[in-house]
PDB file of N, CA and C in Angstrom:
ATOM      1  N   MET A   1     108.945 126.942 112.636  1.00  0.00           N
ATOM      2  CA  MET A   1     108.845 125.584 113.142  1.00  0.00           C
ATOM      3  C   MET A   1     109.519 124.654 112.139  1.00  0.00           C
ATOM      4  N   LEU A   2     110.226 123.692 112.658  1.00  0.00           N
ATOM      5  CA  LEU A   2     110.945 122.742 111.826  1.00  0.00           C
ATOM      6  C   LEU A   2     110.497 121.342 112.205  1.00  0.00           C
ATOM      7  N   GLY A   3     110.259 120.503 111.219  1.00  0.00           N
ATOM      8  CA  GLY A   3     109.828 119.150 111.520  1.00  0.00           C
ATOM      9  C   GLY A   3     110.131 118.210 110.373  1.00  0.00           C
ATOM     10  N   VAL A   4     109.887 116.937 110.602  1.00  0.00           N
ATOM     11  CA  VAL A   4     110.110 115.901 109.603  1.00  0.00           C
ATOM     12  C   VAL A   4     108.845 115.064 109.523  1.00  0.00           C
ATOM     13  N   ILE A   5     108.433 114.748 108.309  1.00  0.00           N
ATOM     14  CA  ILE A   5     107.273 113.884 108.118  1.00  0.00           C
ATOM     15  C   ILE A   5     107.768 112.588 107.505  1.00  0.00           C
ATOM     16  N   GLY A   6     107.343 111.477 108.091  1.00  0.00           N
ATOM     17  CA  GLY A   6     107.770 110.182 107.592  1.00  0.00           C
ATOM     18  C   GLY A   6     106.843 109.081 108.057  1.00  0.00           C
ATOM     19  N   THR A   7     107.218 107.868 107.747  1.00  0.00           N
ATOM     20  CA  THR A   7     106.451 106.686 108.121  1.00  0.00           C
ATOM     21  C   THR A   7     107.307 105.805 109.016  1.00  0.00           C
ATOM     22  N   LYS A   8     106.721 105.349 110.112  1.00  0.00           N
ATOM     23  CA  LYS A   8     107.466 104.493 111.033  1.00  0.00           C
ATOM     24  C   LYS A   8     107.724 103.143 110.376  1.00  0.00           C
ATOM     25  N   VAL A   9     108.989 102.743 110.355  1.00  0.00           N
ATOM     26  CA  VAL A   9     109.386 101.469 109.773  1.00  0.00           C
ATOM     27  C   VAL A   9     109.454 100.405 110.859  1.00  0.00           C
ATOM     28  N   GLY A  10     109.975 100.767 112.013  1.00  0.00           N
ATOM     29  CA  GLY A  10     110.096  99.808 113.101  1.00  0.00           C
ATOM     30  C   GLY A  10     110.968 100.339 114.214  1.00  0.00           C
ATOM     31  N   MET A  11     111.377  99.444 115.082  1.00  0.00           N
ATOM     32  CA  MET A  11     112.223  99.791 116.221  1.00  0.00           C
ATOM     33  C   MET A  11     113.517  98.980 116.140  1.00  0.00           C
ATOM     34  N   THR A  12     114.569  99.547 116.691  1.00  0.00           N
ATOM     35  CA  THR A  12     115.841  98.849 116.805  1.00  0.00           C
ATOM     36  C   THR A  12     116.556  99.418 118.019  1.00  0.00           C
ATOM     37  N   ARG A  13     117.817  99.086 118.178  1.00  0.00           N
ATOM     38  CA  ARG A  13     118.570  99.662 119.284  1.00  0.00           C
ATOM     39  C   ARG A  13     119.960 100.056 118.818  1.00  0.00           C
ATOM     40  N   VAL A  14     120.494 101.058 119.484  1.00  0.00           N
ATOM     41  CA  VAL A  14     121.829 101.566 119.201  1.00  0.00           C
ATOM     42  C   VAL A  14     122.624 101.447 120.485  1.00  0.00           C
ATOM     43  N   PHE A  15     123.888 101.040 120.374  1.00  0.00           N
ATOM     44  CA  PHE A  15     124.726 100.871 121.554  1.00  0.00           C
ATOM     45  C   PHE A  15     125.600 102.094 121.770  1.00  0.00           C
ATOM     46  N   LYS A  16     125.633 102.554 123.012  1.00  0.00           N
ATOM     47  CA  LYS A  16     126.506 103.668 123.392  1.00  0.00           C
ATOM     48  C   LYS A  16     127.931 103.153 123.583  1.00  0.00           C
ATOM     49  N   ASP A  17     128.867 104.078 123.787  1.00  0.00           N
ATOM     50  CA  ASP A  17     130.269 103.702 124.009  1.00  0.00           C
ATOM     51  C   ASP A  17     130.447 102.830 125.248  1.00  0.00           C
ATOM     52  N   ASN A  18     129.583 103.040 126.256  1.00  0.00           N
ATOM     53  CA  ASN A  18     129.708 102.273 127.497  1.00  0.00           C
ATOM     54  C   ASN A  18     129.021 100.906 127.423  1.00  0.00           C
ATOM     55  N   GLY A  19     128.456 100.558 126.259  1.00  0.00           N
ATOM     56  CA  GLY A  19     127.848  99.246 126.086  1.00  0.00           C
ATOM     57  C   GLY A  19     126.352  99.202 126.329  1.00  0.00           C
ATOM     58  N   LYS A  20     125.771 100.261 126.873  1.00  0.00           N
ATOM     59  CA  LYS A  20     124.323 100.281 127.109  1.00  0.00           C
ATOM     60  C   LYS A  20     123.595 100.479 125.782  1.00  0.00           C
ATOM     61  N   SER A  21     122.445  99.821 125.664  1.00  0.00           N
ATOM     62  CA  SER A  21     121.656  99.974 124.442  1.00  0.00           C
ATOM     63  C   SER A  21     120.553 101.011 124.663  1.00  0.00           C
ATOM     64  N   VAL A  22     120.240 101.722 123.589  1.00  0.00           N
ATOM     65  CA  VAL A  22     119.198 102.744 123.624  1.00  0.00           C
ATOM     66  C   VAL A  22     118.182 102.399 122.538  1.00  0.00           C
ATOM     67  N   PRO A  23     116.885 102.288 122.887  1.00  0.00           N
ATOM     68  CA  PRO A  23     115.884 102.005 121.860  1.00  0.00           C
ATOM     69  C   PRO A  23     115.684 103.224 120.957  1.00  0.00           C
ATOM     70  N   VAL A  24     115.591 102.974 119.647  1.00  0.00           N
ATOM     71  CA  VAL A  24     115.371 104.050 118.682  1.00  0.00           C
ATOM     72  C   VAL A  24     114.286 103.636 117.686  1.00  0.00           C
ATOM     73  N   THR A  25     113.592 104.616 117.155  1.00  0.00           N
ATOM     74  CA  THR A  25     112.572 104.392 116.141  1.00  0.00           C
ATOM     75  C   THR A  25     113.167 104.667 114.769  1.00  0.00           C
ATOM     76  N   VAL A  26     112.934 103.763 113.824  1.00  0.00           N
ATOM     77  CA  VAL A  26     113.415 103.931 112.455  1.00  0.00           C
ATOM     78  C   VAL A  26     112.279 104.541 111.639  1.00  0.00           C
ATOM     79  N   ILE A  27     112.569 105.674 110.980  1.00  0.00           N
ATOM     80  CA  ILE A  27     111.559 106.386 110.203  1.00  0.00           C
ATOM     81  C   ILE A  27     112.033 106.526 108.762  1.00  0.00           C
ATOM     82  N   ALA A  28     111.159 106.171 107.812  1.00  0.00           N
ATOM     83  CA  ALA A  28     111.446 106.386 106.389  1.00  0.00           C
ATOM     84  C   ALA A  28     110.937 107.773 106.024  1.00  0.00           C
ATOM     85  N   VAL A  29     111.848 108.630 105.594  1.00  0.00           N
ATOM     86  CA  VAL A  29     111.491 110.004 105.248  1.00  0.00           C
ATOM     87  C   VAL A  29     111.493 110.139 103.732  1.00  0.00           C
ATOM     88  N   ALA A  30     110.373 110.591 103.184  1.00  0.00           N
ATOM     89  CA  ALA A  30     110.256 110.785 101.740  1.00  0.00           C
ATOM     90  C   ALA A  30     110.298 112.277 101.425  1.00  0.00           C
ATOM     91  N   ASN A  31     110.528 112.588 100.159  1.00  0.00           N
ATOM     92  CA  ASN A  31     110.464 113.988  99.751  1.00  0.00           C
ATOM     93  C   ASN A  31     109.064 114.515 100.021  1.00  0.00           C
ATOM     94  N   SER A  32     108.979 115.719 100.513  1.00  0.00           N
ATOM     95  CA  SER A  32     107.679 116.324 100.760  1.00  0.00           C
ATOM     96  C   SER A  32     107.688 117.759 100.255  1.00  0.00           C
ATOM     97  N   LYS A  33     106.501 118.263  99.980  1.00  0.00           N
ATOM     98  CA  LYS A  33     106.376 119.615  99.455  1.00  0.00           C
ATOM     99  C   LYS A  33     105.101 120.238 100.003  1.00  0.00           C
ATOM    100  N   ILE A  34     105.163 121.528 100.286  1.00  0.00           N
ATOM    101  CA  ILE A  34     103.964 122.236 100.736  1.00  0.00           C
ATOM    102  C   ILE A  34     103.039 122.374  99.534  1.00  0.00           C
ATOM    103  N   VAL A  35     101.798 121.901  99.698  1.00  0.00           N
ATOM    104  CA  VAL A  35     100.828 121.917  98.614  1.00  0.00           C
ATOM    105  C   VAL A  35      99.865 123.092  98.763  1.00  0.00           C
ATOM    106  N   GLN A  36      99.558 123.475 100.011  1.00  0.00           N
ATOM    107  CA  GLN A  36      98.606 124.564 100.232  1.00  0.00           C
ATOM    108  C   GLN A  36      98.979 125.326 101.493  1.00  0.00           C
ATOM    109  N   ARG A  37      98.868 126.661 101.422  1.00  0.00           N
ATOM    110  CA  ARG A  37      99.081 127.524 102.590  1.00  0.00           C
ATOM    111  C   ARG A  37      97.771 128.211 102.919  1.00  0.00           C
ATOM    112  N   LYS A  38      97.402 128.209 104.185  1.00  0.00           N
ATOM    113  CA  LYS A  38      96.207 128.922 104.626  1.00  0.00           C
ATOM    114  C   LYS A  38      96.658 130.119 105.453  1.00  0.00           C
ATOM    115  N   THR A  39      96.045 131.269 105.196  1.00  0.00           N
ATOM    116  CA  THR A  39      96.414 132.501 105.888  1.00  0.00           C
ATOM    117  C   THR A  39      95.186 133.104 106.559  1.00  0.00           C
ATOM    118  N   PRO A  40      95.393 133.893 107.623  1.00  0.00           N
ATOM    119  CA  PRO A  40      94.258 134.515 108.310  1.00  0.00           C
ATOM    120  C   PRO A  40      93.444 135.435 107.395  1.00  0.00           C
ATOM    121  N   GLU A  41      94.105 136.098 106.456  1.00  0.00           N
ATOM    122  CA  GLU A  41      93.393 137.007 105.564  1.00  0.00           C
ATOM    123  C   GLU A  41      92.374 136.272 104.689  1.00  0.00           C
ATOM    124  N   LYS A  42      92.759 135.101 104.217  1.00  0.00           N
ATOM    125  CA  LYS A  42      91.892 134.358 103.300  1.00  0.00           C
ATOM    126  C   LYS A  42      91.051 133.297 104.013  1.00  0.00           C
ATOM    127  N   ASP A  43      91.678 132.563 104.960  1.00  0.00           N
ATOM    128  CA  ASP A  43      91.024 131.404 105.568  1.00  0.00           C
ATOM    129  C   ASP A  43      90.680 131.587 107.044  1.00  0.00           C
ATOM    130  N   GLY A  44      91.236 132.616 107.682  1.00  0.00           N
ATOM    131  CA  GLY A  44      90.949 132.850 109.091  1.00  0.00           C
ATOM    132  C   GLY A  44      91.930 132.196 110.046  1.00  0.00           C
ATOM    133  N   TYR A  45      92.916 131.467 109.544  1.00  0.00           N
ATOM    134  CA  TYR A  45      93.913 130.817 110.398  1.00  0.00           C
ATOM    135  C   TYR A  45      95.141 130.459 109.565  1.00  0.00           C
ATOM    136  N   TYR A  46      96.237 130.162 110.256  1.00  0.00           N
ATOM    137  CA  TYR A  46      97.460 129.713 109.589  1.00  0.00           C
ATOM    138  C   TYR A  46      97.490 128.192 109.551  1.00  0.00           C
ATOM    139  N   ALA A  47      97.850 127.632 108.406  1.00  0.00           N
ATOM    140  CA  ALA A  47      98.037 126.183 108.285  1.00  0.00           C
ATOM    141  C   ALA A  47      98.780 125.900 106.984  1.00  0.00           C
ATOM    142  N   VAL A  48      99.395 124.741 106.914  1.00  0.00           N
ATOM    143  CA  VAL A  48     100.003 124.275 105.673  1.00  0.00           C
ATOM    144  C   VAL A  48      99.556 122.845 105.427  1.00  0.00           C
ATOM    145  N   GLN A  49      99.446 122.491 104.158  1.00  0.00           N
ATOM    146  CA  GLN A  49      99.128 121.122 103.778  1.00  0.00           C
ATOM    147  C   GLN A  49     100.348 120.594 103.038  1.00  0.00           C
ATOM    148  N   VAL A  50     100.854 119.455 103.488  1.00  0.00           N
ATOM    149  CA  VAL A  50     102.094 118.896 102.960  1.00  0.00           C
ATOM    150  C   VAL A  50     101.812 117.517 102.385  1.00  0.00           C
ATOM    151  N   ASN A  51     102.429 117.210 101.227  1.00  0.00           N
ATOM    152  CA  ASN A  51     102.325 115.850 100.709  1.00  0.00           C
ATOM    153  C   ASN A  51     103.620 115.105 101.000  1.00  0.00           C
ATOM    154  N   TYR A  52     103.526 113.800 101.088  1.00  0.00           N
ATOM    155  CA  TYR A  52     104.714 112.970 101.279  1.00  0.00           C
ATOM    156  C   TYR A  52     104.482 111.622 100.622  1.00  0.00           C
ATOM    157  N   GLY A  53     105.559 110.965 100.268  1.00  0.00           N
ATOM    158  CA  GLY A  53     105.466 109.656  99.635  1.00  0.00           C
ATOM    159  C   GLY A  53     104.923 109.763  98.220  1.00  0.00           C
ATOM    160  N   SER A  54     104.489 108.651  97.685  1.00  0.00           N
ATOM    161  CA  SER A  54     103.902 108.655  96.346  1.00  0.00           C
ATOM    162  C   SER A  54     102.679 107.750  96.333  1.00  0.00           C
ATOM    163  N   LYS A  55     101.768 108.079  95.463  1.00  0.00           N
ATOM    164  CA  LYS A  55     100.508 107.362  95.365  1.00  0.00           C
ATOM    165  C   LYS A  55     100.133 107.307  93.888  1.00  0.00           C
ATOM    166  N   LYS A  56      99.703 106.138  93.399  1.00  0.00           N
ATOM    167  CA  LYS A  56      99.382 106.008  91.977  1.00  0.00           C
ATOM    168  C   LYS A  56      98.088 106.728  91.616  1.00  0.00           C
ATOM    169  N   LYS A  57      97.039 106.498  92.401  1.00  0.00           N
ATOM    170  CA  LYS A  57      95.734 107.056  92.057  1.00  0.00           C
ATOM    171  C   LYS A  57      95.300 108.074  93.106  1.00  0.00           C
ATOM    172  N   VAL A  58      94.864 109.231  92.634  1.00  0.00           N
ATOM    173  CA  VAL A  58      94.287 110.250  93.514  1.00  0.00           C
ATOM    174  C   VAL A  58      93.040 110.792  92.824  1.00  0.00           C
ATOM    175  N   SER A  59      92.172 111.444  93.582  1.00  0.00           N
ATOM    176  CA  SER A  59      90.958 112.015  93.008  1.00  0.00           C
ATOM    177  C   SER A  59      91.320 113.153  92.054  1.00  0.00           C
ATOM    178  N   LYS A  60      90.371 113.532  91.205  1.00  0.00           N
ATOM    179  CA  LYS A  60      90.636 114.598  90.236  1.00  0.00           C
ATOM    180  C   LYS A  60      90.941 115.917  90.931  1.00  0.00           C
ATOM    181  N   SER A  61      90.245 116.203  92.030  1.00  0.00           N
ATOM    182  CA  SER A  61      90.492 117.468  92.730  1.00  0.00           C
ATOM    183  C   SER A  61      91.896 117.491  93.333  1.00  0.00           C
ATOM    184  N   LEU A  62      92.346 116.362  93.887  1.00  0.00           N
ATOM    185  CA  LEU A  62      93.703 116.311  94.426  1.00  0.00           C
ATOM    186  C   LEU A  62      94.740 116.348  93.313  1.00  0.00           C
ATOM    187  N   GLU A  63      94.442 115.699  92.195  1.00  0.00           N
ATOM    188  CA  GLU A  63      95.382 115.728  91.074  1.00  0.00           C
ATOM    189  C   GLU A  63      95.582 117.162  90.586  1.00  0.00           C
ATOM    190  N   LYS A  64      94.503 117.935  90.545  1.00  0.00           N
ATOM    191  CA  LYS A  64      94.599 119.342  90.145  1.00  0.00           C
ATOM    192  C   LYS A  64      95.470 120.116  91.131  1.00  0.00           C
ATOM    193  N   LYS A  65      95.271 119.859  92.430  1.00  0.00           N
ATOM    194  CA  LYS A  65      96.056 120.548  93.464  1.00  0.00           C
ATOM    195  C   LYS A  65      97.543 120.215  93.327  1.00  0.00           C
ATOM    196  N   PHE A  66      97.871 118.944  93.095  1.00  0.00           N
ATOM    197  CA  PHE A  66      99.270 118.541  92.928  1.00  0.00           C
ATOM    198  C   PHE A  66      99.871 119.163  91.665  1.00  0.00           C
ATOM    199  N   THR A  67      99.102 119.188  90.574  1.00  0.00           N
ATOM    200  CA  THR A  67      99.594 119.747  89.319  1.00  0.00           C
ATOM    201  C   THR A  67      99.850 121.246  89.450  1.00  0.00           C
ATOM    202  N   GLU A  68      98.932 121.969  90.081  1.00  0.00           N
ATOM    203  CA  GLU A  68      99.091 123.417  90.260  1.00  0.00           C
ATOM    204  C   GLU A  68     100.338 123.760  91.063  1.00  0.00           C
ATOM    205  N   ASN A  69     100.701 122.894  91.999  1.00  0.00           N
ATOM    206  CA  ASN A  69     101.839 123.161  92.875  1.00  0.00           C
ATOM    207  C   ASN A  69     103.095 122.406  92.466  1.00  0.00           C
ATOM    208  N   ASN A  70     103.062 121.782  91.283  1.00  0.00           N
ATOM    209  CA  ASN A  70     104.219 121.054  90.763  1.00  0.00           C
ATOM    210  C   ASN A  70     104.732 120.026  91.777  1.00  0.00           C
ATOM    211  N   ALA A  71     103.798 119.303  92.381  1.00  0.00           N
ATOM    212  CA  ALA A  71     104.141 118.309  93.398  1.00  0.00           C
ATOM    213  C   ALA A  71     103.773 116.912  92.902  1.00  0.00           C
ATOM    214  N   GLU A  72     104.509 115.929  93.391  1.00  0.00           N
ATOM    215  CA  GLU A  72     104.238 114.536  93.051  1.00  0.00           C
ATOM    216  C   GLU A  72     102.964 114.085  93.756  1.00  0.00           C
ATOM    217  N   LYS A  73     102.182 113.223  93.096  1.00  0.00           N
ATOM    218  CA  LYS A  73     100.983 112.672  93.734  1.00  0.00           C
ATOM    219  C   LYS A  73     101.411 111.885  94.962  1.00  0.00           C
ATOM    220  N   GLY A  74     100.779 112.167  96.091  1.00  0.00           N
ATOM    221  CA  GLY A  74     101.161 111.486  97.317  1.00  0.00           C
ATOM    222  C   GLY A  74     100.089 111.592  98.370  1.00  0.00           C
ATOM    223  N   TYR A  75     100.469 111.350  99.598  1.00  0.00           N
ATOM    224  CA  TYR A  75      99.567 111.415 100.737  1.00  0.00           C
ATOM    225  C   TYR A  75      99.615 112.818 101.325  1.00  0.00           C
ATOM    226  N   LEU A  76      98.477 113.331 101.769  1.00  0.00           N
ATOM    227  CA  LEU A  76      98.422 114.670 102.346  1.00  0.00           C
ATOM    228  C   LEU A  76      98.348 114.602 103.862  1.00  0.00           C
ATOM    229  N   THR A  77      98.973 115.578 104.513  1.00  0.00           N
ATOM    230  CA  THR A  77      98.882 115.697 105.967  1.00  0.00           C
ATOM    231  C   THR A  77      98.292 117.027 106.318  1.00  0.00           C
TER     232      THR A  77
END
């Protein structure tokens, strides 16, 4: 599966060659990194936890998770 994680900035429009406008969403995409992988053997299901953006303050448990995975402090999804 392939995807992009970002934050919605707003809406705008783009014009086609024939002059018609098409509404588009503007998304700010930040660097992201997989912080945790869950597997059926260990957790009973597949999942990934991804961080994005940056955050100055995080809890000690999250700071440990980011440090272990060499990831920047950020928001988790």
